[in-house]
C-alpha atoms as a PDB file:
ATOM      1  CA  MET A   1       0.172  -0.100  -0.117  1.00  0.00           C
ATOM      2  CA  VAL A   2       2.745   2.643   0.782  1.00  0.00           C
ATOM      3  CA  GLY A   3       4.440   1.439  -2.478  1.00  0.00           C
ATOM      4  CA  ASP A   4       1.403   2.335  -4.255  1.00  0.00           C
ATOM      5  CA  ARG A   5       1.182   5.741  -2.750  1.00  0.00           C
ATOM      6  CA  VAL A   6       4.887   6.192  -3.587  1.00  0.00           C
ATOM      7  CA  ILE A   7       4.545   5.690  -7.216  1.00  0.00           C
ATOM      8  CA  GLU A   8       1.223   7.830  -7.231  1.00  0.00           C
ATOM      9  CA  PHE A   9       3.237  10.860  -5.611  1.00  0.00           C
ATOM     10  CA  PHE A  10       6.143  10.648  -7.673  1.00  0.00           C
ATOM     11  CA  ALA A  11       3.809  10.425 -10.731  1.00  0.00           C
ATOM     12  CA  SER A  12       2.150  13.614  -9.621  1.00  0.00           C
ATOM     13  CA  LEU A  13       5.380  15.258  -9.472  1.00  0.00           C
ATOM     14  CA  LEU A  14       6.439  14.010 -13.251  1.00  0.00           C
ATOM     15  CA  LYS A  15       3.052  15.082 -14.396  1.00  0.00           C
ATOM     16  CA  LYS A  16       3.510  18.696 -12.685  1.00  0.00           C
ATOM     17  CA  TYR A  17       6.958  19.329 -13.957  1.00  0.00           C
ATOM     18  CA  SER A  18       6.170  18.118 -17.635  1.00  0.00           C
ATOM     19  CA  GLY A  19       3.483  20.550 -17.868  1.00  0.00           C
ATOM     20  CA  ASN A  20       2.350  20.919 -21.199  1.00  0.00           C
ATOM     21  CA  GLU A  21       5.564  20.871 -23.129  1.00  0.00           C
ATOM     22  CA  HIS A  22       7.051  17.598 -22.135  1.00  0.00           C
ATOM     23  CA  ILE A  23       5.800  13.750 -21.819  1.00  0.00           C
ATOM     24  CA  ALA A  24       5.448  12.040 -18.283  1.00  0.00           C
ATOM     25  CA  ALA A  25       4.627   8.314 -18.647  1.00  0.00           C
ATOM     26  CA  ARG A  26       4.513   4.898 -16.808  1.00  0.00           C
ATOM     27  CA  TYR A  27       6.713   2.940 -18.545  1.00  0.00           C
ATOM     28  CA  GLY A  28       6.100  -0.751 -17.309  1.00  0.00           C
ATOM     29  CA  GLY A  29       4.953  -1.238 -13.511  1.00  0.00           C
ATOM     30  CA  GLU A  30       7.190   0.995 -11.608  1.00  0.00           C
ATOM     31  CA  GLU A  31       9.016   2.429 -14.251  1.00  0.00           C
ATOM     32  CA  MET A  32       8.427   5.894 -15.330  1.00  0.00           C
ATOM     33  CA  VAL A  33       9.723   8.186 -18.016  1.00  0.00           C
ATOM     34  CA  LEU A  34      10.062  11.868 -18.694  1.00  0.00           C
ATOM     35  CA  ILE A  35      10.356  12.656 -22.138  1.00  0.00           C
ATOM     36  CA  LEU A  36      12.091  16.700 -22.563  1.00  0.00           C
ATOM     37  CA  ILE A  37      11.365  18.581 -25.407  1.00  0.00           C
ATOM     38  CA  VAL A  38      14.207  21.310 -26.850  1.00  0.00           C
ATOM     39  CA  LEU A  39      16.075  21.413 -23.226  1.00  0.00           C
ATOM     40  CA  THR A  40      19.654  22.528 -22.880  1.00  0.00           C
ATOM     41  CA  GLN A  41      21.915  20.147 -21.053  1.00  0.00           C
ATOM     42  CA  GLN A  42      21.716  22.959 -18.052  1.00  0.00           C
ATOM     43  CA  GLN A  43      17.994  23.066 -17.915  1.00  0.00           C
ATOM     44  CA  VAL A  44      17.542  19.246 -17.673  1.00  0.00           C
ATOM     45  CA  ILE A  45      20.187  19.195 -14.725  1.00  0.00           C
ATOM     46  CA  GLU A  46      18.020  22.000 -12.912  1.00  0.00           C
ATOM     47  CA  LEU A  47      14.652  20.036 -13.914  1.00  0.00           C
ATOM     48  CA  VAL A  48      15.521  16.800 -12.444  1.00  0.00           C
ATOM     49  CA  ASP A  49      17.364  18.384  -9.392  1.00  0.00           C
ATOM     50  CA  SER A  50      13.905  19.811  -8.937  1.00  0.00           C
ATOM     51  CA  ILE A  51      12.374  16.677  -8.887  1.00  0.00           C
ATOM     52  CA  ARG A  52      14.772  15.034  -6.790  1.00  0.00           C
ATOM     53  CA  SER A  53      14.568  17.837  -4.259  1.00  0.00           C
ATOM     54  CA  ASN A  54      10.533  17.647  -4.122  1.00  0.00           C
ATOM     55  CA  LEU A  55      10.601  13.798  -4.000  1.00  0.00           C
ATOM     56  CA  ALA A  56      13.191  13.907  -1.019  1.00  0.00           C
ATOM     57  CA  ASP A  57      11.333  16.141   1.107  1.00  0.00           C
END
């Protein structure tokens, strides 16, 4: 049950950060993917760090 809640929370983070520009999807049972469209390497690093920080909190 806790695992399901973690998956739901992480999915909501990906959806939040994907906005209308990127694609968030579940890829398999527990795997998720965020397809980032037209971002620089630095922008990707900043976005991923924001997601990581939000998840850690």
